[in-house]
C-alpha cells in the first residue's frame, strides 16, 4: 500500500534537493567578502532617504488594483474570442455587459484622478 506513494515521495525529495543543493553549494564554495556597500539596502540605485517602514501612497495600491483588473480582463477576452462562434449572440452580449462594467469602473477611476501621478 505505501509502496504506491514511493514515486510521489521520490519526486518531493528530488524537488527539495534541486532547491537546497545549489544554495548549500553556493554558501560553502562561494566567496564571502562582506562590504558595507554590499550590505546596505538598495533602493533604485541611490541611498535610501526614508524609513523602510514608511506608508505608501494610496495611489500605488489603486494602480496595482487597476493592473489586476485589466490583466483579468485580457485573461477573459482571449478564451472568449476563441469560442465566440460557438457561444453565439448570448456570449457576445454577456461579454459586452462585462466590458461595460469594466469601462464604468475605468471612467470612475479616471474621474477620481487615480491615474494622475504627480
C-alpha atoms as a PDB file:
ATOM      1  CA  UNK A   1       0.000   0.000   0.000  1.00  0.00           C
ATOM      2  CA  UNK A   2       2.677   2.529   0.963  1.00  0.00           C
ATOM      3  CA  UNK A   3       4.880   1.442  -1.931  1.00  0.00           C
ATOM      4  CA  UNK A   4       2.380   3.152  -4.273  1.00  0.00           C
ATOM      5  CA  UNK A   5       3.327   6.536  -2.763  1.00  0.00           C
ATOM      6  CA  UNK A   6       7.061   5.999  -3.237  1.00  0.00           C
ATOM      7  CA  UNK A   7       7.180   7.871  -6.601  1.00  0.00           C
ATOM      8  CA  UNK A   8       5.469  10.866  -5.004  1.00  0.00           C
ATOM      9  CA  UNK A   9       7.922  10.840  -2.099  1.00  0.00           C
ATOM     10  CA  UNK A  10      10.834  10.499  -4.508  1.00  0.00           C
ATOM     11  CA  UNK A  11       9.534  13.419  -6.588  1.00  0.00           C
ATOM     12  CA  UNK A  12       9.248  15.612  -3.474  1.00  0.00           C
ATOM     13  CA  UNK A  13      12.750  14.691  -2.314  1.00  0.00           C
ATOM     14  CA  UNK A  14      14.273  15.431  -5.721  1.00  0.00           C
ATOM     15  CA  UNK A  15      12.432  18.762  -5.848  1.00  0.00           C
ATOM     16  CA  UNK A  16      13.698  19.751  -2.407  1.00  0.00           C
ATOM     17  CA  UNK A  17      17.219  18.682  -3.403  1.00  0.00           C
ATOM     18  CA  UNK A  18      17.062  20.832  -6.548  1.00  0.00           C
ATOM     19  CA  UNK A  19      16.155  23.792  -4.342  1.00  0.00           C
ATOM     20  CA  UNK A  20      18.579  23.322  -1.454  1.00  0.00           C
ATOM     21  CA  UNK A  21      21.678  21.766  -3.026  1.00  0.00           C
ATOM     22  CA  UNK A  22      22.574  24.836  -5.164  1.00  0.00           C
ATOM     23  CA  UNK A  23      22.034  27.159  -2.196  1.00  0.00           C
ATOM     24  CA  UNK A  24      24.173  24.979   0.038  1.00  0.00           C
ATOM     25  CA  UNK A  25      26.892  24.697  -2.627  1.00  0.00           C
ATOM     26  CA  UNK A  26      26.908  28.475  -3.082  1.00  0.00           C
ATOM     27  CA  UNK A  27      27.196  29.010   0.647  1.00  0.00           C
ATOM     28  CA  UNK A  28      30.054  26.511   1.037  1.00  0.00           C
ATOM     29  CA  UNK A  29      32.036  27.225  -2.126  1.00  0.00           C
ATOM     30  CA  UNK A  30      31.227  30.879  -2.850  1.00  0.00           C
ATOM     31  CA  UNK A  31      33.452  33.708  -1.595  1.00  0.00           C
ATOM     32  CA  UNK A  32      32.328  35.625   1.456  1.00  0.00           C
ATOM     33  CA  UNK A  33      33.632  39.182   1.352  1.00  0.00           C
ATOM     34  CA  UNK A  34      31.245  41.409   3.312  1.00  0.00           C
ATOM     35  CA  UNK A  35      31.367  45.053   2.332  1.00  0.00           C
ATOM     36  CA  UNK A  36      29.332  47.923   3.828  1.00  0.00           C
ATOM     37  CA  UNK A  37      28.166  48.903   0.360  1.00  0.00           C
ATOM     38  CA  UNK A  38      27.035  45.359  -0.452  1.00  0.00           C
ATOM     39  CA  UNK A  39      25.180  45.083   2.854  1.00  0.00           C
ATOM     40  CA  UNK A  40      23.393  48.439   2.522  1.00  0.00           C
ATOM     41  CA  UNK A  41      19.751  48.474   1.416  1.00  0.00           C
ATOM     42  CA  UNK A  42      19.346  49.026  -2.298  1.00  0.00           C
ATOM     43  CA  UNK A  43      16.689  51.437  -3.477  1.00  0.00           C
ATOM     44  CA  UNK A  44      16.698  52.236  -7.180  1.00  0.00           C
ATOM     45  CA  UNK A  45      20.414  52.960  -7.391  1.00  0.00           C
ATOM     46  CA  UNK A  46      20.652  55.609  -4.678  1.00  0.00           C
ATOM     47  CA  UNK A  47      20.809  55.782  -0.921  1.00  0.00           C
ATOM     48  CA  UNK A  48      17.562  55.228   0.960  1.00  0.00           C
ATOM     49  CA  UNK A  49      16.238  58.583   2.106  1.00  0.00           C
ATOM     50  CA  UNK A  50      13.319  57.456   4.247  1.00  0.00           C
ATOM     51  CA  UNK A  51      12.452  54.721   6.699  1.00  0.00           C
ATOM     52  CA  UNK A  52      11.786  51.378   5.075  1.00  0.00           C
ATOM     53  CA  UNK A  53       8.559  51.088   7.034  1.00  0.00           C
ATOM     54  CA  UNK A  54       7.060  54.255   5.575  1.00  0.00           C
ATOM     55  CA  UNK A  55       3.445  54.241   4.428  1.00  0.00           C
ATOM     56  CA  UNK A  56       2.811  54.060   0.709  1.00  0.00           C
ATOM     57  CA  UNK A  57       0.519  56.470  -1.037  1.00  0.00           C
ATOM     58  CA  UNK A  58      -2.952  55.095  -1.710  1.00  0.00           C
ATOM     59  CA  UNK A  59      -2.453  55.755  -5.425  1.00  0.00           C
ATOM     60  CA  UNK A  60       0.142  52.995  -5.508  1.00  0.00           C
ATOM     61  CA  UNK A  61      -2.495  50.491  -4.447  1.00  0.00           C
ATOM     62  CA  UNK A  62      -5.046  51.920  -6.878  1.00  0.00           C
ATOM     63  CA  UNK A  63      -2.628  51.462  -9.765  1.00  0.00           C
ATOM     64  CA  UNK A  64      -1.955  47.889  -8.610  1.00  0.00           C
ATOM     65  CA  UNK A  65      -5.678  47.152  -8.476  1.00  0.00           C
ATOM     66  CA  UNK A  66      -6.150  48.671 -11.936  1.00  0.00           C
ATOM     67  CA  UNK A  67      -3.368  46.472 -13.282  1.00  0.00           C
ATOM     68  CA  UNK A  68      -5.012  43.365 -11.841  1.00  0.00           C
ATOM     69  CA  UNK A  69      -8.386  44.469 -13.179  1.00  0.00           C
ATOM     70  CA  UNK A  70      -7.213  44.934 -16.754  1.00  0.00           C
ATOM     71  CA  UNK A  71      -4.992  41.887 -16.603  1.00  0.00           C
ATOM     72  CA  UNK A  72      -8.036  39.790 -15.697  1.00  0.00           C
ATOM     73  CA  UNK A  73      -9.987  41.459 -18.468  1.00  0.00           C
ATOM     74  CA  UNK A  74      -7.440  40.273 -21.020  1.00  0.00           C
ATOM     75  CA  UNK A  75      -7.417  36.810 -19.436  1.00  0.00           C
ATOM     76  CA  UNK A  76     -11.179  36.599 -20.081  1.00  0.00           C
ATOM     77  CA  UNK A  77     -11.078  38.131 -23.562  1.00  0.00           C
ATOM     78  CA  UNK A  78      -8.735  35.620 -25.202  1.00  0.00           C
ATOM     79  CA  UNK A  79     -10.782  32.461 -24.460  1.00  0.00           C
ATOM     80  CA  UNK A  80     -13.973  34.358 -25.289  1.00  0.00           C
ATOM     81  CA  UNK A  81     -12.607  35.395 -28.681  1.00  0.00           C
ATOM     82  CA  UNK A  82     -11.671  31.797 -29.481  1.00  0.00           C
ATOM     83  CA  UNK A  83     -15.135  30.353 -28.754  1.00  0.00           C
ATOM     84  CA  UNK A  84     -17.199  33.334 -29.923  1.00  0.00           C
ATOM     85  CA  UNK A  85     -18.720  31.464 -32.886  1.00  0.00           C
ATOM     86  CA  UNK A  86     -19.784  28.586 -30.638  1.00  0.00           C
ATOM     87  CA  UNK A  87     -21.433  30.666 -27.899  1.00  0.00           C
ATOM     88  CA  UNK A  88     -23.251  32.953 -30.324  1.00  0.00           C
ATOM     89  CA  UNK A  89     -25.135  36.111 -29.504  1.00  0.00           C
ATOM     90  CA  UNK A  90     -25.662  35.247 -25.822  1.00  0.00           C
ATOM     91  CA  UNK A  91     -21.890  35.059 -25.271  1.00  0.00           C
ATOM     92  CA  UNK A  92     -21.377  38.291 -27.169  1.00  0.00           C
ATOM     93  CA  UNK A  93     -23.963  40.172 -25.100  1.00  0.00           C
ATOM     94  CA  UNK A  94     -22.593  38.735 -21.848  1.00  0.00           C
ATOM     95  CA  UNK A  95     -19.065  39.887 -22.718  1.00  0.00           C
ATOM     96  CA  UNK A  96     -20.302  43.347 -23.717  1.00  0.00           C
ATOM     97  CA  UNK A  97     -22.012  43.670 -20.322  1.00  0.00           C
ATOM     98  CA  UNK A  98     -18.770  42.564 -18.640  1.00  0.00           C
ATOM     99  CA  UNK A  99     -16.737  45.081 -20.649  1.00  0.00           C
ATOM    100  CA  UNK A 100     -19.310  47.803 -19.951  1.00  0.00           C
ATOM    101  CA  UNK A 101     -18.943  47.267 -16.203  1.00  0.00           C
ATOM    102  CA  UNK A 102     -15.162  47.469 -16.561  1.00  0.00           C
ATOM    103  CA  UNK A 103     -15.409  50.665 -18.605  1.00  0.00           C
ATOM    104  CA  UNK A 104     -17.653  52.240 -15.954  1.00  0.00           C
ATOM    105  CA  UNK A 105     -15.018  51.373 -13.315  1.00  0.00           C
ATOM    106  CA  UNK A 106     -12.254  52.735 -15.516  1.00  0.00           C
ATOM    107  CA  UNK A 107     -14.105  56.036 -16.104  1.00  0.00           C
ATOM    108  CA  UNK A 108     -14.762  56.316 -12.364  1.00  0.00           C
ATOM    109  CA  UNK A 109     -11.055  55.823 -11.605  1.00  0.00           C
ATOM    110  CA  UNK A 110     -10.141  58.350 -14.284  1.00  0.00           C
ATOM    111  CA  UNK A 111     -12.565  60.987 -12.950  1.00  0.00           C
ATOM    112  CA  UNK A 112     -11.348  60.478  -9.377  1.00  0.00           C
ATOM    113  CA  UNK A 113      -7.768  61.150 -10.519  1.00  0.00           C
ATOM    114  CA  UNK A 114      -6.365  57.728  -9.700  1.00  0.00           C
ATOM    115  CA  UNK A 115      -4.483  57.694 -12.992  1.00  0.00           C
ATOM    116  CA  UNK A 116      -2.826  61.086 -12.430  1.00  0.00           C
ATOM    117  CA  UNK A 117       0.622  60.641 -10.948  1.00  0.00           C
ATOM    118  CA  UNK A 118       2.460  63.655  -9.579  1.00  0.00           C
END
